[in-house]
Structures are given as structure tokens and as C-alpha cells.
Amino acid sequence: MERVSVQVHADDPISQSGVVSQLRTAPELRVLDAAQHDQAAVLLVVTDSVDERTVALLHRLRRTTASALVLVVSRVDDAGLATAVECGVVGLLRRRDATPAQLTKAIVSAARGEGSMPADLLGRLLEQMGRLQRQVLDPRGISFSGLDAREIEVLKLVAEGYSTREIAEHLAYSERTVKNVLHDITSRLQLRNRSHAVAYALREGLI
């Protein structure tokens, strides 16, 4: 089994050396030093809270590397939880639960592209998402996918093999409007063409 390369970013030298020492005992991991920053599959950030300094660090790491981000935090409220996810964190542990085994599990999961989070925090995050959907997105006809009801309807018809003209007739739009809708979808979501857009919608369960 190939070991997962990980680099640690901690608030203070004691935490840094302590976490590094713990991770070095795990045969699944290869702990990198600062000079090997660009080789890490996973970056582990250890901090007290999701404050401005932590957010700035997470943003910087996300901009400068393709590594997965795992956060170990002493305390986190709902706003901090949402902010961490927005910053690209895929794994989150409370500091009190960060045993060597749990750290290793979170790091390996992140390297595989899998998220990890304590059940109660996941529940809080899902509750926030549901509240956002009900209070903000639903009244505007928007889903978490970033597509509104009209865009989804157009993609459904594309998936059924309708031409641009037929879609326009079916929805009582002009052909230009249909083309603009498809262009907006592919541009905003960075999709290659209408087939890629349909594939995206199918994968997301929208059609």
C-alpha cells in the first residue's frame, strides 16, 4: 500500500511537533516537512477555532496547492463549520477526538476524495443547508446545484433529444433564449457543451 503524504500546519510549535510525532507512527502515512509542501496529498491544519487567521491560511493553501484539506479544531460553531466547508475542508475533527487512529483515518479518507466529520457536526451542517435551501434558494427557484427551474427544464428536454427549435416551441421561448440558457449553464459550471451539461444534471440527480 502506498503511503499517503501529509504535511501539518499548526498554530504553535508544541502542537506542530506533537501532531507530527503522532502521525509518524502511522505506517499508512508519510509526514513531509515544510520544504516538501507541493508534494503533500493532504494538508492537516491544527487550530483552536475557525477565526480570520485560520480562514486566511485555508484560502492560501487552497489557492497554492491541489492537496485535500483536513482541519483539527478545538471549538467550532455553526458559522465556523460552514466557513470551513466553504474554504475547501473535506475532513474535520475536534481536537479532543484527534487520536492517532482518528487522524490517520481522516487523512487517508481525504486522500481518497472522501469526506469525514463527526456525526453531530454533519447534522448541524445539513440543517444549515436545509435552512438555506428553504429560506433563500427555494423562493428564488434555485437549487444547490446552481441551476434554476428554467435551466433544469431546458436540460431535461435536451436529454430527451429535443433540438433547440423544439425546446423553444415546447417552452414558448425564442431559440435565442434557449441558446442563451444553455450557454449560461455551460459557462457558469465550466462544462464543455450541452452533452456535458446533461451528464452533469444526470449525475446530480436533477433530471
C-alpha atoms as a PDB file:
ATOM      1  CA  MET A   1       0.000   0.000   0.000  1.00  0.00           C
ATOM      2  CA  GLU A   2       1.372   3.396  -0.989  1.00  0.00           C
ATOM      3  CA  ARG A   3       1.647   5.747   1.948  1.00  0.00           C
ATOM      4  CA  VAL A   4      -0.320   8.993   1.970  1.00  0.00           C
ATOM      5  CA  SER A   5       1.884  12.079   2.079  1.00  0.00           C
ATOM      6  CA  VAL A   6       0.731  14.652   4.630  1.00  0.00           C
ATOM      7  CA  GLN A   7       2.013  17.976   5.887  1.00  0.00           C
ATOM      8  CA  VAL A   8       0.998  19.593   9.179  1.00  0.00           C
ATOM      9  CA  HIS A   9       0.215  23.276   9.773  1.00  0.00           C
ATOM     10  CA  ALA A  10      -0.341  24.030  13.475  1.00  0.00           C
ATOM     11  CA  ASP A  11      -0.896  27.244  15.431  1.00  0.00           C
ATOM     12  CA  ASP A  12       2.131  26.754  17.662  1.00  0.00           C
ATOM     13  CA  PRO A  13       5.399  24.760  17.722  1.00  0.00           C
ATOM     14  CA  ILE A  14       4.268  22.439  20.527  1.00  0.00           C
ATOM     15  CA  SER A  15       1.118  21.404  18.664  1.00  0.00           C
ATOM     16  CA  GLN A  16       3.128  21.071  15.452  1.00  0.00           C
ATOM     17  CA  SER A  17       5.724  18.731  16.957  1.00  0.00           C
ATOM     18  CA  GLY A  18       3.101  16.767  18.901  1.00  0.00           C
ATOM     19  CA  VAL A  19       0.894  16.054  15.896  1.00  0.00           C
ATOM     20  CA  VAL A  20       3.864  15.282  13.655  1.00  0.00           C
ATOM     21  CA  SER A  21       5.171  12.807  16.244  1.00  0.00           C
ATOM     22  CA  GLN A  22       1.787  11.076  16.392  1.00  0.00           C
ATOM     23  CA  LEU A  23       1.468  10.819  12.619  1.00  0.00           C
ATOM     24  CA  ARG A  24       4.984   9.438  12.148  1.00  0.00           C
ATOM     25  CA  THR A  25       3.892   6.280  13.982  1.00  0.00           C
ATOM     26  CA  ALA A  26       1.247   5.506  11.354  1.00  0.00           C
ATOM     27  CA  PRO A  27       2.538   3.145   8.646  1.00  0.00           C
ATOM     28  CA  GLU A  28      -0.117   4.457   6.240  1.00  0.00           C
ATOM     29  CA  LEU A  29       1.331   7.968   6.282  1.00  0.00           C
ATOM     30  CA  ARG A  30       4.454   9.776   5.115  1.00  0.00           C
ATOM     31  CA  VAL A  31       4.895  13.048   7.012  1.00  0.00           C
ATOM     32  CA  LEU A  32       6.534  15.801   4.979  1.00  0.00           C
ATOM     33  CA  ASP A  33       8.491  18.801   6.166  1.00  0.00           C
ATOM     34  CA  ALA A  34       7.921  22.407   5.081  1.00  0.00           C
ATOM     35  CA  ALA A  35      10.255  22.142   2.093  1.00  0.00           C
ATOM     36  CA  GLN A  36       8.070  19.385   0.591  1.00  0.00           C
ATOM     37  CA  HIS A  37       4.894  21.465   0.616  1.00  0.00           C
ATOM     38  CA  ASP A  38       3.987  20.791  -3.015  1.00  0.00           C
ATOM     39  CA  GLN A  39       4.257  17.015  -2.607  1.00  0.00           C
ATOM     40  CA  ALA A  40       1.547  16.598   0.042  1.00  0.00           C
ATOM     41  CA  ALA A  41      -1.636  14.741  -0.862  1.00  0.00           C
ATOM     42  CA  VAL A  42      -3.225  16.067   2.324  1.00  0.00           C
ATOM     43  CA  LEU A  43      -2.635  19.206   4.380  1.00  0.00           C
ATOM     44  CA  LEU A  44      -3.590  18.932   8.051  1.00  0.00           C
ATOM     45  CA  VAL A  45      -4.399  22.238   9.744  1.00  0.00           C
ATOM     46  CA  VAL A  46      -4.488  22.256  13.556  1.00  0.00           C
ATOM     47  CA  THR A  47      -6.014  25.296  15.237  1.00  0.00           C
ATOM     48  CA  ASP A  48      -8.182  26.485  18.116  1.00  0.00           C
ATOM     49  CA  SER A  49     -11.043  27.984  16.111  1.00  0.00           C
ATOM     50  CA  VAL A  50     -12.095  28.984  12.613  1.00  0.00           C
ATOM     51  CA  ASP A  51     -11.013  32.591  13.053  1.00  0.00           C
ATOM     52  CA  GLU A  52      -9.760  35.103  10.491  1.00  0.00           C
ATOM     53  CA  ARG A  53      -6.202  33.787  10.641  1.00  0.00           C
ATOM     54  CA  THR A  54      -7.337  30.207  10.071  1.00  0.00           C
ATOM     55  CA  VAL A  55      -9.605  31.236   7.200  1.00  0.00           C
ATOM     56  CA  ALA A  56      -6.750  33.166   5.569  1.00  0.00           C
ATOM     57  CA  LEU A  57      -4.487  30.109   5.883  1.00  0.00           C
ATOM     58  CA  LEU A  58      -7.113  27.776   4.417  1.00  0.00           C
ATOM     59  CA  HIS A  59      -7.691  30.122   1.485  1.00  0.00           C
ATOM     60  CA  ARG A  60      -3.954  30.407   0.855  1.00  0.00           C
ATOM     61  CA  LEU A  61      -3.447  26.653   0.956  1.00  0.00           C
ATOM     62  CA  ARG A  62      -6.385  26.070  -1.345  1.00  0.00           C
ATOM     63  CA  ARG A  63      -5.038  28.604  -3.865  1.00  0.00           C
ATOM     64  CA  THR A  64      -1.486  27.285  -3.886  1.00  0.00           C
ATOM     65  CA  THR A  65      -1.986  23.522  -3.798  1.00  0.00           C
ATOM     66  CA  ALA A  66      -4.289  20.766  -5.001  1.00  0.00           C
ATOM     67  CA  SER A  67      -3.922  18.929  -1.683  1.00  0.00           C
ATOM     68  CA  ALA A  68      -7.001  17.887   0.282  1.00  0.00           C
ATOM     69  CA  LEU A  69      -7.587  19.902   3.457  1.00  0.00           C
ATOM     70  CA  VAL A  70      -8.270  18.345   6.864  1.00  0.00           C
ATOM     71  CA  LEU A  71      -8.978  20.580   9.852  1.00  0.00           C
ATOM     72  CA  VAL A  72      -8.437  19.752  13.534  1.00  0.00           C
ATOM     73  CA  VAL A  73     -10.125  22.394  15.681  1.00  0.00           C
ATOM     74  CA  SER A  74     -10.690  22.884  19.403  1.00  0.00           C
ATOM     75  CA  ARG A  75     -14.073  24.559  19.014  1.00  0.00           C
ATOM     76  CA  VAL A  76     -16.334  25.339  16.100  1.00  0.00           C
ATOM     77  CA  ASP A  77     -19.755  26.969  15.901  1.00  0.00           C
ATOM     78  CA  ASP A  78     -22.231  26.754  13.031  1.00  0.00           C
ATOM     79  CA  ALA A  79     -20.738  29.755  11.235  1.00  0.00           C
ATOM     80  CA  GLY A  80     -17.226  28.347  11.559  1.00  0.00           C
ATOM     81  CA  LEU A  81     -18.393  24.972  10.301  1.00  0.00           C
ATOM     82  CA  ALA A  82     -19.933  26.483   7.192  1.00  0.00           C
ATOM     83  CA  THR A  83     -16.867  28.659   6.632  1.00  0.00           C
ATOM     84  CA  ALA A  84     -14.539  25.657   6.874  1.00  0.00           C
ATOM     85  CA  VAL A  85     -16.522  23.817   4.209  1.00  0.00           C
ATOM     86  CA  GLU A  86     -16.550  26.920   2.005  1.00  0.00           C
ATOM     87  CA  CYS A  87     -12.749  27.041   2.349  1.00  0.00           C
ATOM     88  CA  GLY A  88     -12.495  23.537   0.903  1.00  0.00           C
ATOM     89  CA  VAL A  89     -12.074  21.473   4.090  1.00  0.00           C
ATOM     90  CA  VAL A  90     -13.074  17.855   3.385  1.00  0.00           C
ATOM     91  CA  GLY A  91     -12.268  16.360   6.787  1.00  0.00           C
ATOM     92  CA  LEU A  92     -12.863  17.830  10.221  1.00  0.00           C
ATOM     93  CA  LEU A  93     -12.017  16.565  13.709  1.00  0.00           C
ATOM     94  CA  ARG A  94     -12.409  18.050  17.126  1.00  0.00           C
ATOM     95  CA  ARG A  95      -9.080  18.337  18.883  1.00  0.00           C
ATOM     96  CA  ARG A  96     -10.266  16.229  21.820  1.00  0.00           C
ATOM     97  CA  ASP A  97     -11.120  13.368  19.440  1.00  0.00           C
ATOM     98  CA  ALA A  98      -7.899  13.591  17.409  1.00  0.00           C
ATOM     99  CA  THR A  99      -6.244  10.343  18.400  1.00  0.00           C
ATOM    100  CA  PRO A 100      -3.540   8.980  16.099  1.00  0.00           C
ATOM    101  CA  ALA A 101      -6.035   6.443  14.737  1.00  0.00           C
ATOM    102  CA  GLN A 102      -8.720   9.061  14.053  1.00  0.00           C
ATOM    103  CA  LEU A 103      -6.223  11.441  12.477  1.00  0.00           C
ATOM    104  CA  THR A 104      -4.912   8.708  10.222  1.00  0.00           C
ATOM    105  CA  LYS A 105      -8.412   7.669   9.220  1.00  0.00           C
ATOM    106  CA  ALA A 106      -9.382  11.260   8.320  1.00  0.00           C
ATOM    107  CA  ILE A 107      -6.180  11.815   6.330  1.00  0.00           C
ATOM    108  CA  VAL A 108      -6.480   8.570   4.371  1.00  0.00           C
ATOM    109  CA  SER A 109     -10.159   9.292   3.643  1.00  0.00           C
ATOM    110  CA  ALA A 110      -9.303  12.781   2.399  1.00  0.00           C
ATOM    111  CA  ALA A 111      -6.607  11.395   0.103  1.00  0.00           C
ATOM    112  CA  ARG A 112      -9.247   9.084  -1.393  1.00  0.00           C
ATOM    113  CA  GLY A 113     -11.551  12.015  -2.023  1.00  0.00           C
ATOM    114  CA  GLU A 114     -13.875  11.051   0.830  1.00  0.00           C
ATOM    115  CA  GLY A 115     -15.119  13.491   3.452  1.00  0.00           C
ATOM    116  CA  SER A 116     -15.197  12.843   7.186  1.00  0.00           C
ATOM    117  CA  MET A 117     -16.841  14.729  10.042  1.00  0.00           C
ATOM    118  CA  PRO A 118     -18.312  13.898  13.462  1.00  0.00           C
ATOM    119  CA  ALA A 119     -21.976  12.891  13.151  1.00  0.00           C
ATOM    120  CA  ASP A 120     -23.291  15.811  15.207  1.00  0.00           C
ATOM    121  CA  LEU A 121     -21.358  18.360  13.149  1.00  0.00           C
ATOM    122  CA  LEU A 122     -22.571  16.758   9.933  1.00  0.00           C
ATOM    123  CA  GLY A 123     -26.123  17.010  11.227  1.00  0.00           C
ATOM    124  CA  ARG A 124     -25.631  20.697  12.027  1.00  0.00           C
ATOM    125  CA  LEU A 125     -24.183  21.316   8.568  1.00  0.00           C
ATOM    126  CA  LEU A 126     -27.076  19.551   6.842  1.00  0.00           C
ATOM    127  CA  GLU A 127     -29.528  21.544   8.931  1.00  0.00           C
ATOM    128  CA  GLN A 128     -27.851  24.759   7.792  1.00  0.00           C
ATOM    129  CA  MET A 129     -28.019  23.638   4.164  1.00  0.00           C
ATOM    130  CA  GLY A 130     -31.692  22.775   4.513  1.00  0.00           C
ATOM    131  CA  ARG A 131     -32.430  26.152   6.071  1.00  0.00           C
ATOM    132  CA  LEU A 132     -30.545  27.917   3.284  1.00  0.00           C
ATOM    133  CA  GLN A 133     -32.471  25.967   0.659  1.00  0.00           C
ATOM    134  CA  ARG A 134     -35.857  26.730   2.257  1.00  0.00           C
ATOM    135  CA  GLN A 135     -35.310  30.365   3.161  1.00  0.00           C
ATOM    136  CA  VAL A 136     -33.054  31.660   0.411  1.00  0.00           C
ATOM    137  CA  LEU A 137     -32.839  29.403  -2.619  1.00  0.00           C
ATOM    138  CA  ASP A 138     -36.373  27.977  -2.919  1.00  0.00           C
ATOM    139  CA  PRO A 139     -38.045  31.423  -3.079  1.00  0.00           C
ATOM    140  CA  ARG A 140     -35.726  32.235  -5.991  1.00  0.00           C
ATOM    141  CA  GLY A 141     -36.237  28.906  -7.760  1.00  0.00           C
ATOM    142  CA  ILE A 142     -32.589  27.939  -7.313  1.00  0.00           C
ATOM    143  CA  SER A 143     -31.145  24.623  -6.171  1.00  0.00           C
ATOM    144  CA  PHE A 144     -27.781  23.826  -4.558  1.00  0.00           C
ATOM    145  CA  SER A 145     -26.620  22.697  -7.971  1.00  0.00           C
ATOM    146  CA  GLY A 146     -26.630  26.321  -9.067  1.00  0.00           C
ATOM    147  CA  LEU A 147     -29.353  25.662 -11.655  1.00  0.00           C
ATOM    148  CA  ASP A 148     -32.750  27.322 -11.572  1.00  0.00           C
ATOM    149  CA  ALA A 149     -36.047  25.695 -12.579  1.00  0.00           C
ATOM    150  CA  ARG A 150     -35.917  27.023 -16.158  1.00  0.00           C
ATOM    151  CA  GLU A 151     -32.379  25.725 -16.700  1.00  0.00           C
ATOM    152  CA  ILE A 152     -33.304  22.291 -15.380  1.00  0.00           C
ATOM    153  CA  GLU A 153     -36.358  22.161 -17.659  1.00  0.00           C
ATOM    154  CA  VAL A 154     -34.219  23.007 -20.698  1.00  0.00           C
ATOM    155  CA  LEU A 155     -31.688  20.296 -19.806  1.00  0.00           C
ATOM    156  CA  LYS A 156     -34.492  17.737 -19.400  1.00  0.00           C
ATOM    157  CA  LEU A 157     -35.620  18.428 -22.949  1.00  0.00           C
ATOM    158  CA  VAL A 158     -32.047  18.299 -24.262  1.00  0.00           C
ATOM    159  CA  ALA A 159     -31.675  14.908 -22.584  1.00  0.00           C
ATOM    160  CA  GLU A 160     -34.845  13.727 -24.350  1.00  0.00           C
ATOM    161  CA  GLY A 161     -33.302  14.596 -27.707  1.00  0.00           C
ATOM    162  CA  TYR A 162     -35.170  17.815 -28.464  1.00  0.00           C
ATOM    163  CA  SER A 163     -33.491  20.294 -30.806  1.00  0.00           C
ATOM    164  CA  THR A 164     -33.075  23.947 -29.898  1.00  0.00           C
ATOM    165  CA  ARG A 165     -36.075  24.845 -32.048  1.00  0.00           C
ATOM    166  CA  GLU A 166     -38.244  22.131 -30.478  1.00  0.00           C
ATOM    167  CA  ILE A 167     -37.252  23.213 -26.964  1.00  0.00           C
ATOM    168  CA  ALA A 168     -38.163  26.798 -27.819  1.00  0.00           C
ATOM    169  CA  GLU A 169     -41.568  25.715 -29.133  1.00  0.00           C
ATOM    170  CA  HIS A 170     -42.229  23.441 -26.154  1.00  0.00           C
ATOM    171  CA  LEU A 171     -41.408  26.130 -23.567  1.00  0.00           C
ATOM    172  CA  ALA A 172     -42.708  29.103 -25.582  1.00  0.00           C
ATOM    173  CA  TYR A 173     -39.235  30.669 -25.680  1.00  0.00           C
ATOM    174  CA  SER A 174     -37.294  32.058 -28.592  1.00  0.00           C
ATOM    175  CA  GLU A 175     -34.458  29.951 -29.932  1.00  0.00           C
ATOM    176  CA  ARG A 176     -32.060  32.688 -28.834  1.00  0.00           C
ATOM    177  CA  THR A 177     -33.340  32.359 -25.255  1.00  0.00           C
ATOM    178  CA  VAL A 178     -32.752  28.612 -25.273  1.00  0.00           C
ATOM    179  CA  LYS A 179     -29.246  29.095 -26.654  1.00  0.00           C
ATOM    180  CA  ASN A 180     -28.544  31.723 -24.001  1.00  0.00           C
ATOM    181  CA  VAL A 181     -29.774  29.412 -21.226  1.00  0.00           C
ATOM    182  CA  LEU A 182     -27.500  26.616 -22.415  1.00  0.00           C
ATOM    183  CA  HIS A 183     -24.579  28.985 -22.811  1.00  0.00           C
ATOM    184  CA  ASP A 184     -25.108  30.331 -19.283  1.00  0.00           C
ATOM    185  CA  ILE A 185     -25.179  26.801 -17.847  1.00  0.00           C
ATOM    186  CA  THR A 186     -22.021  25.625 -19.593  1.00  0.00           C
ATOM    187  CA  SER A 187     -20.115  28.840 -18.839  1.00  0.00           C
ATOM    188  CA  ARG A 188     -21.097  29.140 -15.185  1.00  0.00           C
ATOM    189  CA  LEU A 189     -20.470  25.487 -14.345  1.00  0.00           C
ATOM    190  CA  GLN A 190     -17.411  25.203 -16.646  1.00  0.00           C
ATOM    191  CA  LEU A 191     -18.960  22.450 -18.767  1.00  0.00           C
ATOM    192  CA  ARG A 192     -17.719  21.718 -22.268  1.00  0.00           C
ATOM    193  CA  ASN A 193     -21.005  21.538 -24.193  1.00  0.00           C
ATOM    194  CA  ARG A 194     -24.687  20.627 -23.879  1.00  0.00           C
ATOM    195  CA  SER A 195     -23.906  16.912 -23.651  1.00  0.00           C
ATOM    196  CA  HIS A 196     -21.574  17.570 -20.747  1.00  0.00           C
ATOM    197  CA  ALA A 197     -24.304  19.714 -19.163  1.00  0.00           C
ATOM    198  CA  VAL A 198     -26.801  16.854 -19.452  1.00  0.00           C
ATOM    199  CA  ALA A 199     -24.285  14.444 -17.941  1.00  0.00           C
ATOM    200  CA  TYR A 200     -23.764  16.865 -15.041  1.00  0.00           C
ATOM    201  CA  ALA A 201     -27.507  17.172 -14.437  1.00  0.00           C
ATOM    202  CA  LEU A 202     -27.941  13.384 -14.511  1.00  0.00           C
ATOM    203  CA  ARG A 203     -25.036  12.892 -12.090  1.00  0.00           C
ATOM    204  CA  GLU A 204     -26.503  15.468  -9.712  1.00  0.00           C
ATOM    205  CA  GLY A 205     -29.936  13.811  -9.869  1.00  0.00           C
ATOM    206  CA  LEU A 206     -31.577  16.887 -11.373  1.00  0.00           C
ATOM    207  CA  ILE A 207     -33.131  15.112 -14.369  1.00  0.00           C
END
